[in-house]
Amino acid sequence: MVRLGRLDGLRGIAACGVAFTYHSTGLFADGALASTNPVVHWLHWSGWLFVDMFFVLSGYIFAHVYLGRNALKNGTDLADFGIARVARLYPLHLLMLLLTVALFWSKPENTVLAFGAHLVMLQALVPPVAQTFNGPTWSLSVEAMCYVLFAMGAAAGPRALRLVTGLAIFLALFMIVSNAAPEGPYVRDNFPRGLLGFFLGQVLWHQRARLAGVPGWVLAGLIVAGLAIPPAAFGAILPLVLLTFPAVLLLGLRLRWLESRPLIWLGDRSYAIYLVHLPLRDLFLELSGPLGGSAAEIVLGHALFIAVTLLLSDLALRFVEMPARRAIRAGWDRRSQRAALA
């Protein structure tokens, strides 16, 4: 199966967008990062929407990996799929959860109920706890639910998957429009955001041959259009998920520089960046308090936060993610072999 390296580069950019343009603003005192530059302003206040780019990318990549080679046909395939997902997501999630318990248990919102929900990755379904402990992991919970729907639909056959995809997109649109809020995300939006982005990514993969002929200038226009539509019209999510992010994905598939070594490096560490950055930011705040507003403090504060996040993410990939993934997969393979011989 051909690796979509350019989408890995996009994934790295999206992770950095969440970590270093949105959540990093919490390092600074109120008003310290005020800017009249529209790009800077959007990144500071709307960078949370990079999460929805993750959902679209995931849907496309999963279709490419699993549907492209018809890899989900029966119960054995579903079990292999589930183990692969656990091996990919859970080890670092568990480590970061335990670290946040050790560091931030005293916060009133970090309760036993919240810990239990995070432990089984169901935090997105329990609104009071979705943003506790390591807040960004709500999206892992949503992605896991999308994986279940996708795998079950794919195993049931193409018609069933088309039905699942259509129903998921319809339900997501209905829920998002019903709850549209221009000023920011709400917990009740979490599940439909994941459904819409993930299954829209599936549609893009199925239509990839037709969409390959769309001129680049049209895609660029869609990117700008999604950004230009006022959030008050449809909420902050829909214009970007329906216009901008699909166009970014399709255009990204044509851009060789997204396969550059630095971006592939970031893409490989995107999951770790996503899980490490917020606990690290909160630890910075515990140790130093909010930073002031001088230019030197802003630059040095951001630089230090980025450097430490990238260092820890690299260590997490090499010493947690990859070894745990290999161990879990090897254990599952041995179990499967014993079962086949029994």
Foldseek 3Di string as FASTA:
>chain_A
DDDLLLLLLVLLVLLCLCQQLALLVVQADPPLQDDPPPVSVCSHQPSVLSLLLVLQSQLQVCCCVCVVVVQQADDVSVVLLVLLLCLQPPFVLVVQQVVLCVVPVPPPLNDPVLSVCSNVLNLLVPQSNCCPRQNLSVLVSLVVVVSVLQSVQSNVHDVSNVVSLVVLQVVLLVQCQVVADARDDGSSNRNSSSSNSNSVSNVCNVCVVVVLPDDLVVLVVQLVQLVPPRCVVRHNHPSCSVGNSSSCVSVSSVDPCSSDPVSSLSSLLSSQLNRPRNVVSVVSCVVPNRDYNDPVCVVVSSVVSVVVSSVVSVCCSVPTSVVSSVVSSVVVVVVVVVVVVD
